[in-house]
Amino acid sequence: MSSPTPLPEKSSPVTKPLSEKCWSCRILSGGGLLASGGYVYMQAQKFKHLRGPTSMGTVAQIIFAAGLASWGVVLIADPVGKKTREQ
């Protein structure tokens, strides 16, 4: 059996990831991360009010919610792509 012929390589310039060039993609995914962080935080607060003293699981849930929300803010703000190095 003969092997198939290889496809020709496309010589394309270096492209940016979709998250850097697509503003609506950044807003949608960053907003989703913010919303999921808010949901996790609200669930942790609900259990905190029902059970009384705060457990380590609730603290871990709140920290995870803060991480999700901050990831969403960083994705929307894109601080690395905006800063240029001055020499």
PDB file of N, CA and C in Angstrom:
ATOM      1  N   MET A   1       0.837  -1.177   0.000  1.00  0.00           N
ATOM      2  CA  MET A   1       0.000   0.000   0.000  1.00  0.00           C
ATOM      3  C   MET A   1       0.878   1.235   0.000  1.00  0.00           C
ATOM      4  N   SER A   2       0.443   2.231  -0.693  1.00  0.00           N
ATOM      5  CA  SER A   2       1.204   3.467  -0.753  1.00  0.00           C
ATOM      6  C   SER A   2       0.749   4.416   0.350  1.00  0.00           C
ATOM      7  N   SER A   3       1.689   5.194   0.824  1.00  0.00           N
ATOM      8  CA  SER A   3       1.342   6.157   1.876  1.00  0.00           C
ATOM      9  C   SER A   3       0.766   7.411   1.230  1.00  0.00           C
ATOM     10  N   PRO A   4      -0.157   8.083   1.926  1.00  0.00           N
ATOM     11  CA  PRO A   4      -0.745   9.295   1.349  1.00  0.00           C
ATOM     12  C   PRO A   4       0.291  10.409   1.264  1.00  0.00           C
ATOM     13  N   THR A   5       0.100  11.275   0.298  1.00  0.00           N
ATOM     14  CA  THR A   5       1.032  12.378   0.146  1.00  0.00           C
ATOM     15  C   THR A   5       0.843  13.384   1.267  1.00  0.00           C
ATOM     16  N   PRO A   6       1.920  13.924   1.798  1.00  0.00           N
ATOM     17  CA  PRO A   6       1.783  14.892   2.894  1.00  0.00           C
ATOM     18  C   PRO A   6       1.157  16.193   2.400  1.00  0.00           C
ATOM     19  N   LEU A   7       0.415  16.821   3.286  1.00  0.00           N
ATOM     20  CA  LEU A   7      -0.205  18.099   2.963  1.00  0.00           C
ATOM     21  C   LEU A   7       0.847  19.199   2.944  1.00  0.00           C
ATOM     22  N   PRO A   8       0.713  20.163   2.055  1.00  0.00           N
ATOM     23  CA  PRO A   8       1.692  21.259   2.033  1.00  0.00           C
ATOM     24  C   PRO A   8       1.540  22.127   3.275  1.00  0.00           C
ATOM     25  N   GLU A   9       2.675  22.560   3.796  1.00  0.00           N
ATOM     26  CA  GLU A   9       2.648  23.408   4.985  1.00  0.00           C
ATOM     27  C   GLU A   9       2.277  24.831   4.600  1.00  0.00           C
ATOM     28  N   LYS A  10       1.430  25.414   5.408  1.00  0.00           N
ATOM     29  CA  LYS A  10       1.038  26.801   5.167  1.00  0.00           C
ATOM     30  C   LYS A  10       2.030  27.718   5.869  1.00  0.00           C
ATOM     31  N   SER A  11       2.512  28.676   5.164  1.00  0.00           N
ATOM     32  CA  SER A  11       3.441  29.628   5.763  1.00  0.00           C
ATOM     33  C   SER A  11       2.643  30.841   6.224  1.00  0.00           C
ATOM     34  N   SER A  12       2.140  30.742   7.451  1.00  0.00           N
ATOM     35  CA  SER A  12       1.347  31.842   7.991  1.00  0.00           C
ATOM     36  C   SER A  12       2.176  32.607   9.022  1.00  0.00           C
ATOM     37  N   PRO A  13       1.927  33.894   9.142  1.00  0.00           N
ATOM     38  CA  PRO A  13       2.648  34.659  10.161  1.00  0.00           C
ATOM     39  C   PRO A  13       2.217  34.226  11.555  1.00  0.00           C
ATOM     40  N   VAL A  14       3.021  34.573  12.516  1.00  0.00           N
ATOM     41  CA  VAL A  14       2.707  34.232  13.897  1.00  0.00           C
ATOM     42  C   VAL A  14       1.427  34.959  14.289  1.00  0.00           C
ATOM     43  N   THR A  15       0.456  34.191  14.753  1.00  0.00           N
ATOM     44  CA  THR A  15      -0.826  34.782  15.124  1.00  0.00           C
ATOM     45  C   THR A  15      -0.966  34.798  16.629  1.00  0.00           C
ATOM     46  N   LYS A  16      -1.759  35.740  17.105  1.00  0.00           N
ATOM     47  CA  LYS A  16      -2.032  35.837  18.526  1.00  0.00           C
ATOM     48  C   LYS A  16      -3.092  34.820  18.905  1.00  0.00           C
ATOM     49  N   PRO A  17      -3.099  34.359  20.151  1.00  0.00           N
ATOM     50  CA  PRO A  17      -4.185  33.487  20.585  1.00  0.00           C
ATOM     51  C   PRO A  17      -5.523  34.213  20.485  1.00  0.00           C
ATOM     52  N   LEU A  18      -6.589  33.438  20.400  1.00  0.00           N
ATOM     53  CA  LEU A  18      -7.917  34.012  20.226  1.00  0.00           C
ATOM     54  C   LEU A  18      -8.293  34.919  21.392  1.00  0.00           C
ATOM     55  N   SER A  19      -7.803  34.609  22.593  1.00  0.00           N
ATOM     56  CA  SER A  19      -8.153  35.416  23.754  1.00  0.00           C
ATOM     57  C   SER A  19      -7.525  36.806  23.722  1.00  0.00           C
ATOM     58  N   GLU A  20      -6.470  37.000  22.917  1.00  0.00           N
ATOM     59  CA  GLU A  20      -5.827  38.305  22.847  1.00  0.00           C
ATOM     60  C   GLU A  20      -6.438  39.213  21.795  1.00  0.00           C
ATOM     61  N   LYS A  21      -6.983  38.647  20.724  1.00  0.00           N
ATOM     62  CA  LYS A  21      -7.465  39.489  19.651  1.00  0.00           C
ATOM     63  C   LYS A  21      -8.983  39.594  19.573  1.00  0.00           C
ATOM     64  N   CYS A  22      -9.706  38.777  20.270  1.00  0.00           N
ATOM     65  CA  CYS A  22     -11.160  38.762  20.170  1.00  0.00           C
ATOM     66  C   CYS A  22     -11.753  39.340  21.460  1.00  0.00           C
ATOM     67  N   TRP A  23     -12.195  40.598  21.401  1.00  0.00           N
ATOM     68  CA  TRP A  23     -12.711  41.284  22.582  1.00  0.00           C
ATOM     69  C   TRP A  23     -13.964  40.595  23.105  1.00  0.00           C
ATOM     70  N   SER A  24     -14.863  40.171  22.229  1.00  0.00           N
ATOM     71  CA  SER A  24     -16.093  39.539  22.686  1.00  0.00           C
ATOM     72  C   SER A  24     -15.815  38.189  23.343  1.00  0.00           C
ATOM     73  N   CYS A  25     -14.797  37.479  22.884  1.00  0.00           N
ATOM     74  CA  CYS A  25     -14.432  36.206  23.512  1.00  0.00           C
ATOM     75  C   CYS A  25     -13.906  36.438  24.924  1.00  0.00           C
ATOM     76  N   ARG A  26     -13.106  37.494  25.082  1.00  0.00           N
ATOM     77  CA  ARG A  26     -12.577  37.807  26.410  1.00  0.00           C
ATOM     78  C   ARG A  26     -13.682  38.222  27.367  1.00  0.00           C
ATOM     79  N   ILE A  27     -14.642  39.025  26.877  1.00  0.00           N
ATOM     80  CA  ILE A  27     -15.748  39.462  27.733  1.00  0.00           C
ATOM     81  C   ILE A  27     -16.611  38.268  28.123  1.00  0.00           C
ATOM     82  N   LEU A  28     -16.923  37.401  27.161  1.00  0.00           N
ATOM     83  CA  LEU A  28     -17.789  36.255  27.433  1.00  0.00           C
ATOM     84  C   LEU A  28     -17.144  35.288  28.416  1.00  0.00           C
ATOM     85  N   SER A  29     -15.905  34.903  28.175  1.00  0.00           N
ATOM     86  CA  SER A  29     -15.267  33.942  29.062  1.00  0.00           C
ATOM     87  C   SER A  29     -14.907  34.564  30.413  1.00  0.00           C
ATOM     88  N   GLY A  30     -14.466  35.814  30.411  1.00  0.00           N
ATOM     89  CA  GLY A  30     -14.176  36.477  31.684  1.00  0.00           C
ATOM     90  C   GLY A  30     -15.432  36.698  32.506  1.00  0.00           C
ATOM     91  N   GLY A  31     -16.519  37.070  31.840  1.00  0.00           N
ATOM     92  CA  GLY A  31     -17.792  37.224  32.545  1.00  0.00           C
ATOM     93  C   GLY A  31     -18.305  35.909  33.098  1.00  0.00           C
ATOM     94  N   GLY A  32     -18.094  34.826  32.348  1.00  0.00           N
ATOM     95  CA  GLY A  32     -18.481  33.502  32.849  1.00  0.00           C
ATOM     96  C   GLY A  32     -17.687  33.104  34.081  1.00  0.00           C
ATOM     97  N   LEU A  33     -16.394  33.415  34.079  1.00  0.00           N
ATOM     98  CA  LEU A  33     -15.578  33.116  35.257  1.00  0.00           C
ATOM     99  C   LEU A  33     -15.989  33.975  36.448  1.00  0.00           C
ATOM    100  N   LEU A  34     -16.305  35.243  36.199  1.00  0.00           N
ATOM    101  CA  LEU A  34     -16.787  36.098  37.282  1.00  0.00           C
ATOM    102  C   LEU A  34     -18.100  35.584  37.847  1.00  0.00           C
ATOM    103  N   ALA A  35     -19.006  35.180  36.972  1.00  0.00           N
ATOM    104  CA  ALA A  35     -20.302  34.666  37.427  1.00  0.00           C
ATOM    105  C   ALA A  35     -20.141  33.362  38.200  1.00  0.00           C
ATOM    106  N   SER A  36     -19.261  32.480  37.743  1.00  0.00           N
ATOM    107  CA  SER A  36     -19.066  31.225  38.463  1.00  0.00           C
ATOM    108  C   SER A  36     -18.395  31.462  39.813  1.00  0.00           C
ATOM    109  N   GLY A  37     -17.482  32.429  39.881  1.00  0.00           N
ATOM    110  CA  GLY A  37     -16.894  32.781  41.174  1.00  0.00           C
ATOM    111  C   GLY A  37     -17.933  33.343  42.130  1.00  0.00           C
ATOM    112  N   GLY A  38     -18.839  34.174  41.604  1.00  0.00           N
ATOM    113  CA  GLY A  38     -19.922  34.699  42.437  1.00  0.00           C
ATOM    114  C   GLY A  38     -20.855  33.605  42.923  1.00  0.00           C
ATOM    115  N   TYR A  39     -21.149  32.634  42.055  1.00  0.00           N
ATOM    116  CA  TYR A  39     -22.029  31.528  42.445  1.00  0.00           C
ATOM    117  C   TYR A  39     -21.390  30.678  43.541  1.00  0.00           C
ATOM    118  N   VAL A  40     -20.117  30.355  43.377  1.00  0.00           N
ATOM    119  CA  VAL A  40     -19.428  29.544  44.388  1.00  0.00           C
ATOM    120  C   VAL A  40     -19.378  30.293  45.713  1.00  0.00           C
ATOM    121  N   TYR A  41     -19.135  31.603  45.653  1.00  0.00           N
ATOM    122  CA  TYR A  41     -19.088  32.404  46.878  1.00  0.00           C
ATOM    123  C   TYR A  41     -20.452  32.443  47.564  1.00  0.00           C
ATOM    124  N   MET A  42     -21.510  32.616  46.791  1.00  0.00           N
ATOM    125  CA  MET A  42     -22.854  32.660  47.387  1.00  0.00           C
ATOM    126  C   MET A  42     -23.228  31.323  48.026  1.00  0.00           C
ATOM    127  N   GLN A  43     -22.814  30.225  47.413  1.00  0.00           N
ATOM    128  CA  GLN A  43     -23.092  28.918  48.004  1.00  0.00           C
ATOM    129  C   GLN A  43     -22.316  28.738  49.311  1.00  0.00           C
ATOM    130  N   ALA A  44     -21.096  29.231  49.356  1.00  0.00           N
ATOM    131  CA  ALA A  44     -20.310  29.149  50.587  1.00  0.00           C
ATOM    132  C   ALA A  44     -20.945  30.002  51.679  1.00  0.00           C
ATOM    133  N   GLN A  45     -21.441  31.179  51.319  1.00  0.00           N
ATOM    134  CA  GLN A  45     -22.097  32.044  52.305  1.00  0.00           C
ATOM    135  C   GLN A  45     -23.391  31.411  52.810  1.00  0.00           C
ATOM    136  N   LYS A  46     -24.121  30.748  51.925  1.00  0.00           N
ATOM    137  CA  LYS A  46     -25.373  30.102  52.337  1.00  0.00           C
ATOM    138  C   LYS A  46     -25.102  29.014  53.370  1.00  0.00           C
ATOM    139  N   PHE A  47     -24.097  28.182  53.124  1.00  0.00           N
ATOM    140  CA  PHE A  47     -23.776  27.129  54.077  1.00  0.00           C
ATOM    141  C   PHE A  47     -23.177  27.687  55.356  1.00  0.00           C
ATOM    142  N   LYS A  48     -22.479  28.805  55.257  1.00  0.00           N
ATOM    143  CA  LYS A  48     -21.888  29.428  56.443  1.00  0.00           C
ATOM    144  C   LYS A  48     -22.986  29.926  57.373  1.00  0.00           C
ATOM    145  N   HIS A  49     -24.056  30.482  56.811  1.00  0.00           N
ATOM    146  CA  HIS A  49     -25.149  30.980  57.643  1.00  0.00           C
ATOM    147  C   HIS A  49     -25.981  29.841  58.216  1.00  0.00           C
ATOM    148  N   LEU A  50     -26.067  28.724  57.525  1.00  0.00           N
ATOM    149  CA  LEU A  50     -26.870  27.600  58.014  1.00  0.00           C
ATOM    150  C   LEU A  50     -26.157  26.807  59.100  1.00  0.00           C
ATOM    151  N   ARG A  51     -24.858  26.611  58.958  1.00  0.00           N
ATOM    152  CA  ARG A  51     -24.128  25.740  59.874  1.00  0.00           C
ATOM    153  C   ARG A  51     -23.544  26.439  61.082  1.00  0.00           C
ATOM    154  N   GLY A  52     -23.399  27.724  61.059  1.00  0.00           N
ATOM    155  CA  GLY A  52     -22.819  28.417  62.200  1.00  0.00           C
ATOM    156  C   GLY A  52     -21.344  28.679  62.008  1.00  0.00           C
ATOM    157  N   PRO A  53     -20.478  28.019  62.793  1.00  0.00           N
ATOM    158  CA  PRO A  53     -19.044  28.309  62.688  1.00  0.00           C
ATOM    159  C   PRO A  53     -18.478  27.887  61.323  1.00  0.00           C
ATOM    160  N   THR A  54     -17.502  28.643  60.870  1.00  0.00           N
ATOM    161  CA  THR A  54     -16.905  28.409  59.559  1.00  0.00           C
ATOM    162  C   THR A  54     -15.959  27.216  59.616  1.00  0.00           C
ATOM    163  N   SER A  55     -16.108  26.299  58.662  1.00  0.00           N
ATOM    164  CA  SER A  55     -15.229  25.136  58.597  1.00  0.00           C
ATOM    165  C   SER A  55     -14.118  25.396  57.575  1.00  0.00           C
ATOM    166  N   MET A  56     -13.148  24.515  57.532  1.00  0.00           N
ATOM    167  CA  MET A  56     -12.056  24.657  56.566  1.00  0.00           C
ATOM    168  C   MET A  56     -12.558  24.469  55.139  1.00  0.00           C
ATOM    169  N   GLY A  57     -13.591  23.653  54.950  1.00  0.00           N
ATOM    170  CA  GLY A  57     -14.159  23.459  53.624  1.00  0.00           C
ATOM    171  C   GLY A  57     -14.791  24.737  53.096  1.00  0.00           C
ATOM    172  N   THR A  58     -15.456  25.473  53.966  1.00  0.00           N
ATOM    173  CA  THR A  58     -16.071  26.732  53.565  1.00  0.00           C
ATOM    174  C   THR A  58     -15.003  27.765  53.215  1.00  0.00           C
ATOM    175  N   VAL A  59     -13.939  27.798  53.983  1.00  0.00           N
ATOM    176  CA  VAL A  59     -12.835  28.724  53.694  1.00  0.00           C
ATOM    177  C   VAL A  59     -12.200  28.377  52.353  1.00  0.00           C
ATOM    178  N   ALA A  60     -12.003  27.089  52.097  1.00  0.00           N
ATOM    179  CA  ALA A  60     -11.435  26.671  50.819  1.00  0.00           C
ATOM    180  C   ALA A  60     -12.361  27.036  49.666  1.00  0.00           C
ATOM    181  N   GLN A  61     -13.663  26.926  49.880  1.00  0.00           N
ATOM    182  CA  GLN A  61     -14.631  27.282  48.849  1.00  0.00           C
ATOM    183  C   GLN A  61     -14.590  28.784  48.560  1.00  0.00           C
ATOM    184  N   ILE A  62     -14.451  29.599  49.570  1.00  0.00           N
ATOM    185  CA  ILE A  62     -14.374  31.052  49.385  1.00  0.00           C
ATOM    186  C   ILE A  62     -13.078  31.431  48.668  1.00  0.00           C
ATOM    187  N   ILE A  63     -11.976  30.776  49.009  1.00  0.00           N
ATOM    188  CA  ILE A  63     -10.706  31.041  48.337  1.00  0.00           C
ATOM    189  C   ILE A  63     -10.782  30.633  46.871  1.00  0.00           C
ATOM    190  N   PHE A  64     -11.422  29.504  46.595  1.00  0.00           N
ATOM    191  CA  PHE A  64     -11.598  29.063  45.208  1.00  0.00           C
ATOM    192  C   PHE A  64     -12.458  30.061  44.433  1.00  0.00           C
ATOM    193  N   ALA A  65     -13.496  30.582  45.069  1.00  0.00           N
ATOM    194  CA  ALA A  65     -14.352  31.580  44.420  1.00  0.00           C
ATOM    195  C   ALA A  65     -13.571  32.847  44.115  1.00  0.00           C
ATOM    196  N   ALA A  66     -12.717  33.269  45.023  1.00  0.00           N
ATOM    197  CA  ALA A  66     -11.893  34.453  44.790  1.00  0.00           C
ATOM    198  C   ALA A  66     -10.917  34.215  43.637  1.00  0.00           C
ATOM    199  N   GLY A  67     -10.388  33.010  43.536  1.00  0.00           N
ATOM    200  CA  GLY A  67      -9.490  32.678  42.437  1.00  0.00           C
ATOM    201  C   GLY A  67     -10.204  32.699  41.095  1.00  0.00           C
ATOM    202  N   LEU A  68     -11.416  32.157  41.040  1.00  0.00           N
ATOM    203  CA  LEU A  68     -12.193  32.195  39.802  1.00  0.00           C
ATOM    204  C   LEU A  68     -12.498  33.631  39.383  1.00  0.00           C
ATOM    205  N   ALA A  69     -12.919  34.449  40.347  1.00  0.00           N
ATOM    206  CA  ALA A  69     -13.267  35.832  40.026  1.00  0.00           C
ATOM    207  C   ALA A  69     -12.046  36.626  39.580  1.00  0.00           C
ATOM    208  N   SER A  70     -10.919  36.423  40.228  1.00  0.00           N
ATOM    209  CA  SER A  70      -9.716  37.163  39.832  1.00  0.00           C
ATOM    210  C   SER A  70      -9.211  36.698  38.469  1.00  0.00           C
ATOM    211  N   TRP A  71      -9.373  35.425  38.147  1.00  0.00           N
ATOM    212  CA  TRP A  71      -9.008  34.921  36.829  1.00  0.00           C
ATOM    213  C   TRP A  71      -9.878  35.587  35.760  1.00  0.00           C
ATOM    214  N   GLY A  72     -11.158  35.761  36.064  1.00  0.00           N
ATOM    215  CA  GLY A  72     -12.050  36.446  35.136  1.00  0.00           C
ATOM    216  C   GLY A  72     -11.662  37.892  34.914  1.00  0.00           C
ATOM    217  N   VAL A  73     -11.283  38.591  35.978  1.00  0.00           N
ATOM    218  CA  VAL A  73     -10.867  39.994  35.856  1.00  0.00           C
ATOM    219  C   VAL A  73      -9.588  40.106  35.034  1.00  0.00           C
ATOM    220  N   VAL A  74      -8.641  39.205  35.274  1.00  0.00           N
ATOM    221  CA  VAL A  74      -7.384  39.238  34.523  1.00  0.00           C
ATOM    222  C   VAL A  74      -7.641  38.933  33.049  1.00  0.00           C
ATOM    223  N   LEU A  75      -8.543  38.018  32.763  1.00  0.00           N
ATOM    224  CA  LEU A  75      -8.837  37.694  31.377  1.00  0.00           C
ATOM    225  C   LEU A  75      -9.478  38.869  30.654  1.00  0.00           C
ATOM    226  N   ILE A  76     -10.342  39.588  31.329  1.00  0.00           N
ATOM    227  CA  ILE A  76     -10.981  40.745  30.712  1.00  0.00           C
ATOM    228  C   ILE A  76      -9.992  41.908  30.578  1.00  0.00           C
ATOM    229  N   ALA A  77      -9.227  42.183  31.626  1.00  0.00           N
ATOM    230  CA  ALA A  77      -8.327  43.337  31.625  1.00  0.00           C
ATOM    231  C   ALA A  77      -7.103  43.136  30.737  1.00  0.00           C
ATOM    232  N   ASP A  78      -6.606  41.916  30.620  1.00  0.00           N
ATOM    233  CA  ASP A  78      -5.424  41.585  29.815  1.00  0.00           C
ATOM    234  C   ASP A  78      -4.256  42.521  30.120  1.00  0.00           C
ATOM    235  N   PRO A  79      -3.728  42.510  31.365  1.00  0.00           N
ATOM    236  CA  PRO A  79      -2.659  43.444  31.714  1.00  0.00           C
ATOM    237  C   PRO A  79      -1.330  43.152  31.020  1.00  0.00           C
ATOM    238  N   VAL A  80      -1.073  41.912  30.633  1.00  0.00           N
ATOM    239  CA  VAL A  80       0.199  41.571  30.005  1.00  0.00           C
ATOM    240  C   VAL A  80       0.245  42.077  28.576  1.00  0.00           C
ATOM    241  N   GLY A  81      -0.859  41.995  27.852  1.00  0.00           N
ATOM    242  CA  GLY A  81      -0.873  42.412  26.466  1.00  0.00           C
ATOM    243  C   GLY A  81      -0.792  43.923  26.279  1.00  0.00           C
ATOM    244  N   LYS A  82      -1.151  44.696  27.284  1.00  0.00           N
ATOM    245  CA  LYS A  82      -1.169  46.155  27.171  1.00  0.00           C
ATOM    246  C   LYS A  82       0.145  46.817  27.530  1.00  0.00           C
ATOM    247  N   LYS A  83       0.929  46.171  28.357  1.00  0.00           N
ATOM    248  CA  LYS A  83       2.164  46.799  28.836  1.00  0.00           C
ATOM    249  C   LYS A  83       3.279  46.607  27.822  1.00  0.00           C
ATOM    250  N   THR A  84       3.972  47.668  27.520  1.00  0.00           N
ATOM    251  CA  THR A  84       5.138  47.586  26.635  1.00  0.00           C
ATOM    252  C   THR A  84       6.380  47.902  27.450  1.00  0.00           C
ATOM    253  N   ARG A  85       7.445  47.260  27.099  1.00  0.00           N
ATOM    254  CA  ARG A  85       8.694  47.447  27.831  1.00  0.00           C
ATOM    255  C   ARG A  85       9.435  48.635  27.263  1.00  0.00           C
ATOM    256  N   GLU A  86       9.808  49.563  28.149  1.00  0.00           N
ATOM    257  CA  GLU A  86      10.553  50.747  27.737  1.00  0.00           C
ATOM    258  C   GLU A  86      12.029  50.527  28.000  1.00  0.00           C
ATOM    259  N   GLN A  87      12.857  50.981  27.071  1.00  0.00           N
ATOM    260  CA  GLN A  87      14.303  50.799  27.246  1.00  0.00           C
ATOM    261  C   GLN A  87      14.996  52.107  27.333  1.00  0.00           C
TER     262      GLN A  87
END
